[in-house]
Amino acid sequence: MAKKTTAKSISFQEQFTALEKITQNFEAGKYSLEVGVQKFEEGLRLAQNLKQQLEAVENKIQTIKGKYNELAPETDKE
C-alpha cells in the first residue's frame, strides 16, 4: 500500500518543484478541466505551505539577527 505523504513531510525543494511542474503543465495546456481544477487546488495548497515555511525562516533569521545585534552592538552609528 502506498504511503500518503503530507506537505510537511516533503522538503521545501520538493514542494517547490511540484508547484513548478503544475505551473508548467498549465502553461502547456496539458490538463483537462477536471484535472486542472484538482491541480489548481493542489498548487494553491503547495503555495500556501511554501509561504508559511518562508515566513517561519524569515522569523528565525530576524530572531538570530536580533540575538547577534545584542551581542555585537553596531559600530557604524552616526
N, C-alpha and C. Protein backbone atom coordinates (compact mmCIF):
# COMPACT_ATOMS: atom_id res chain seq x y z
N MET A 1 0.85 -1.18 0.00
CA MET A 1 0.00 0.00 0.00
C MET A 1 0.89 1.23 0.00
N ALA A 2 0.61 2.19 -0.87
CA ALA A 2 1.43 3.40 -0.98
C ALA A 2 1.20 4.30 0.22
N LYS A 3 2.30 4.85 0.70
CA LYS A 3 2.23 5.75 1.84
C LYS A 3 1.83 7.14 1.36
N LYS A 4 0.80 7.71 1.96
CA LYS A 4 0.36 9.04 1.58
C LYS A 4 1.27 10.05 2.27
N THR A 5 1.85 10.94 1.47
CA THR A 5 2.74 11.94 2.05
C THR A 5 1.98 13.24 2.25
N THR A 6 2.33 13.93 3.31
CA THR A 6 1.74 15.22 3.57
C THR A 6 2.74 16.29 3.17
N ALA A 7 2.25 17.50 2.98
CA ALA A 7 3.13 18.60 2.56
C ALA A 7 4.25 18.82 3.57
N LYS A 8 3.99 18.57 4.84
CA LYS A 8 5.02 18.80 5.85
C LYS A 8 6.13 17.76 5.80
N SER A 9 5.84 16.58 5.25
CA SER A 9 6.87 15.54 5.19
C SER A 9 7.70 15.65 3.91
N ILE A 10 7.30 16.55 3.01
CA ILE A 10 8.03 16.77 1.77
C ILE A 10 8.90 18.00 1.95
N SER A 11 10.13 17.94 1.46
CA SER A 11 11.04 19.06 1.63
C SER A 11 10.54 20.29 0.88
N PHE A 12 11.06 21.43 1.26
CA PHE A 12 10.72 22.68 0.60
C PHE A 12 11.01 22.58 -0.89
N GLN A 13 12.19 22.06 -1.24
CA GLN A 13 12.59 21.95 -2.64
C GLN A 13 11.64 21.05 -3.42
N GLU A 14 11.24 19.94 -2.81
CA GLU A 14 10.31 19.02 -3.49
C GLU A 14 8.95 19.68 -3.72
N GLN A 15 8.48 20.44 -2.74
CA GLN A 15 7.21 21.14 -2.89
C GLN A 15 7.31 22.21 -3.98
N PHE A 16 8.42 22.94 -3.99
CA PHE A 16 8.62 23.98 -4.99
C PHE A 16 8.68 23.37 -6.39
N THR A 17 9.38 22.26 -6.52
CA THR A 17 9.48 21.56 -7.80
C THR A 17 8.11 21.08 -8.27
N ALA A 18 7.31 20.56 -7.35
CA ALA A 18 5.96 20.10 -7.69
C ALA A 18 5.10 21.27 -8.17
N LEU A 19 5.22 22.41 -7.50
CA LEU A 19 4.47 23.59 -7.90
C LEU A 19 4.91 24.08 -9.28
N GLU A 20 6.21 24.06 -9.51
CA GLU A 20 6.73 24.44 -10.83
C GLU A 20 6.19 23.52 -11.93
N LYS A 21 6.15 22.23 -11.65
CA LYS A 21 5.66 21.26 -12.63
C LYS A 21 4.18 21.51 -12.95
N ILE A 22 3.39 21.77 -11.92
CA ILE A 22 1.97 22.07 -12.13
C ILE A 22 1.84 23.32 -13.00
N THR A 23 2.62 24.33 -12.69
CA THR A 23 2.57 25.58 -13.45
C THR A 23 2.95 25.35 -14.91
N GLN A 24 4.02 24.61 -15.13
CA GLN A 24 4.46 24.32 -16.50
C GLN A 24 3.40 23.54 -17.28
N ASN A 25 2.77 22.59 -16.61
CA ASN A 25 1.73 21.81 -17.28
C ASN A 25 0.50 22.66 -17.60
N PHE A 26 0.16 23.60 -16.73
CA PHE A 26 -0.92 24.53 -17.03
C PHE A 26 -0.58 25.37 -18.25
N GLU A 27 0.65 25.91 -18.25
CA GLU A 27 1.08 26.75 -19.36
C GLU A 27 1.10 25.98 -20.68
N ALA A 28 1.38 24.69 -20.61
CA ALA A 28 1.42 23.86 -21.82
C ALA A 28 0.04 23.32 -22.20
N GLY A 29 -0.97 23.58 -21.37
CA GLY A 29 -2.32 23.12 -21.67
C GLY A 29 -2.49 21.62 -21.55
N LYS A 30 -1.78 21.01 -20.62
CA LYS A 30 -1.79 19.55 -20.50
C LYS A 30 -2.93 19.00 -19.64
N TYR A 31 -3.69 19.85 -18.98
CA TYR A 31 -4.72 19.36 -18.07
C TYR A 31 -6.11 19.51 -18.67
N SER A 32 -6.94 18.48 -18.44
CA SER A 32 -8.36 18.60 -18.76
C SER A 32 -8.99 19.52 -17.72
N LEU A 33 -10.22 19.89 -17.92
CA LEU A 33 -10.90 20.77 -16.97
C LEU A 33 -10.93 20.17 -15.56
N GLU A 34 -11.31 18.89 -15.48
CA GLU A 34 -11.43 18.25 -14.18
C GLU A 34 -10.08 18.14 -13.47
N VAL A 35 -9.09 17.69 -14.21
CA VAL A 35 -7.75 17.55 -13.64
C VAL A 35 -7.19 18.93 -13.32
N GLY A 36 -7.47 19.90 -14.18
CA GLY A 36 -6.99 21.27 -13.96
C GLY A 36 -7.48 21.85 -12.65
N VAL A 37 -8.74 21.60 -12.33
CA VAL A 37 -9.29 22.10 -11.06
C VAL A 37 -8.57 21.44 -9.89
N GLN A 38 -8.35 20.14 -9.98
CA GLN A 38 -7.64 19.43 -8.91
C GLN A 38 -6.21 19.94 -8.76
N LYS A 39 -5.54 20.13 -9.89
CA LYS A 39 -4.15 20.61 -9.86
C LYS A 39 -4.08 22.05 -9.38
N PHE A 40 -5.08 22.86 -9.73
CA PHE A 40 -5.13 24.23 -9.24
C PHE A 40 -5.22 24.25 -7.72
N GLU A 41 -6.09 23.41 -7.18
CA GLU A 41 -6.24 23.33 -5.72
C GLU A 41 -4.95 22.83 -5.08
N GLU A 42 -4.33 21.82 -5.67
CA GLU A 42 -3.06 21.31 -5.16
C GLU A 42 -1.99 22.40 -5.20
N GLY A 43 -1.95 23.15 -6.28
CA GLY A 43 -0.98 24.24 -6.40
C GLY A 43 -1.18 25.30 -5.34
N LEU A 44 -2.44 25.63 -5.06
CA LEU A 44 -2.70 26.62 -4.01
C LEU A 44 -2.25 26.12 -2.64
N ARG A 45 -2.48 24.84 -2.38
CA ARG A 45 -2.03 24.26 -1.10
C ARG A 45 -0.50 24.31 -1.00
N LEU A 46 0.16 23.93 -2.09
CA LEU A 46 1.62 23.98 -2.10
C LEU A 46 2.13 25.40 -1.89
N ALA A 47 1.53 26.35 -2.60
CA ALA A 47 1.96 27.75 -2.48
C ALA A 47 1.77 28.26 -1.06
N GLN A 48 0.65 27.92 -0.44
CA GLN A 48 0.40 28.35 0.94
C GLN A 48 1.40 27.73 1.90
N ASN A 49 1.68 26.46 1.71
CA ASN A 49 2.65 25.77 2.56
C ASN A 49 4.04 26.38 2.40
N LEU A 50 4.44 26.64 1.16
CA LEU A 50 5.74 27.25 0.91
C LEU A 50 5.82 28.63 1.54
N LYS A 51 4.75 29.40 1.44
CA LYS A 51 4.71 30.73 2.04
C LYS A 51 4.89 30.65 3.56
N GLN A 52 4.20 29.71 4.19
CA GLN A 52 4.32 29.54 5.63
C GLN A 52 5.75 29.15 6.03
N GLN A 53 6.36 28.27 5.25
CA GLN A 53 7.73 27.87 5.55
C GLN A 53 8.69 29.04 5.40
N LEU A 54 8.51 29.84 4.35
CA LEU A 54 9.36 31.01 4.16
C LEU A 54 9.19 32.02 5.29
N GLU A 55 7.95 32.23 5.72
CA GLU A 55 7.70 33.15 6.83
C GLU A 55 8.37 32.65 8.10
N ALA A 56 8.33 31.35 8.34
CA ALA A 56 8.98 30.79 9.53
C ALA A 56 10.49 31.00 9.47
N VAL A 57 11.07 30.82 8.29
CA VAL A 57 12.52 31.03 8.13
C VAL A 57 12.85 32.50 8.32
N GLU A 58 12.04 33.40 7.76
CA GLU A 58 12.27 34.83 7.92
C GLU A 58 12.22 35.23 9.39
N ASN A 59 11.25 34.69 10.12
CA ASN A 59 11.15 34.97 11.55
C ASN A 59 12.37 34.47 12.30
N LYS A 60 12.84 33.29 11.94
CA LYS A 60 14.02 32.73 12.60
C LYS A 60 15.25 33.59 12.31
N ILE A 61 15.38 34.05 11.06
CA ILE A 61 16.51 34.91 10.70
C ILE A 61 16.45 36.21 11.50
N GLN A 62 15.27 36.80 11.63
CA GLN A 62 15.14 38.02 12.41
C GLN A 62 15.52 37.78 13.87
N THR A 63 15.13 36.64 14.41
CA THR A 63 15.49 36.30 15.79
C THR A 63 17.00 36.16 15.93
N ILE A 64 17.62 35.48 15.00
CA ILE A 64 19.07 35.30 15.03
C ILE A 64 19.77 36.65 14.91
N LYS A 65 19.31 37.48 13.99
CA LYS A 65 19.90 38.81 13.81
C LYS A 65 19.75 39.64 15.09
N GLY A 66 18.59 39.52 15.72
CA GLY A 66 18.36 40.25 16.97
C GLY A 66 19.32 39.80 18.06
N LYS A 67 19.54 38.51 18.17
CA LYS A 67 20.49 38.00 19.16
C LYS A 67 21.90 38.46 18.85
N TYR A 68 22.26 38.46 17.57
CA TYR A 68 23.59 38.90 17.17
C TYR A 68 23.78 40.37 17.49
N ASN A 69 22.77 41.18 17.20
CA ASN A 69 22.87 42.61 17.48
C ASN A 69 22.99 42.90 18.96
N GLU A 70 22.40 42.06 19.80
CA GLU A 70 22.55 42.22 21.25
C GLU A 70 23.98 41.93 21.68
N LEU A 71 24.61 40.95 21.02
CA LEU A 71 25.97 40.56 21.38
C LEU A 71 27.01 41.48 20.77
N ALA A 72 26.76 42.00 19.59
CA ALA A 72 27.72 42.84 18.88
C ALA A 72 27.03 44.15 18.48
N PRO A 73 27.05 45.13 19.37
CA PRO A 73 26.38 46.40 19.07
C PRO A 73 26.98 47.03 17.81
N GLU A 74 26.12 47.80 17.12
CA GLU A 74 26.56 48.44 15.89
C GLU A 74 27.70 49.41 16.16
N THR A 75 28.65 49.41 15.23
CA THR A 75 29.77 50.34 15.34
C THR A 75 29.67 51.44 14.29
N ASP A 76 28.67 51.33 13.41
CA ASP A 76 28.51 52.30 12.32
C ASP A 76 27.51 53.40 12.64
N LYS A 77 27.19 53.60 13.88
CA LYS A 77 26.21 54.63 14.24
C LYS A 77 26.80 56.00 13.93
N GLU A 78 25.94 56.86 13.36
CA GLU A 78 26.41 58.21 13.00
C GLU A 78 25.99 59.20 14.04
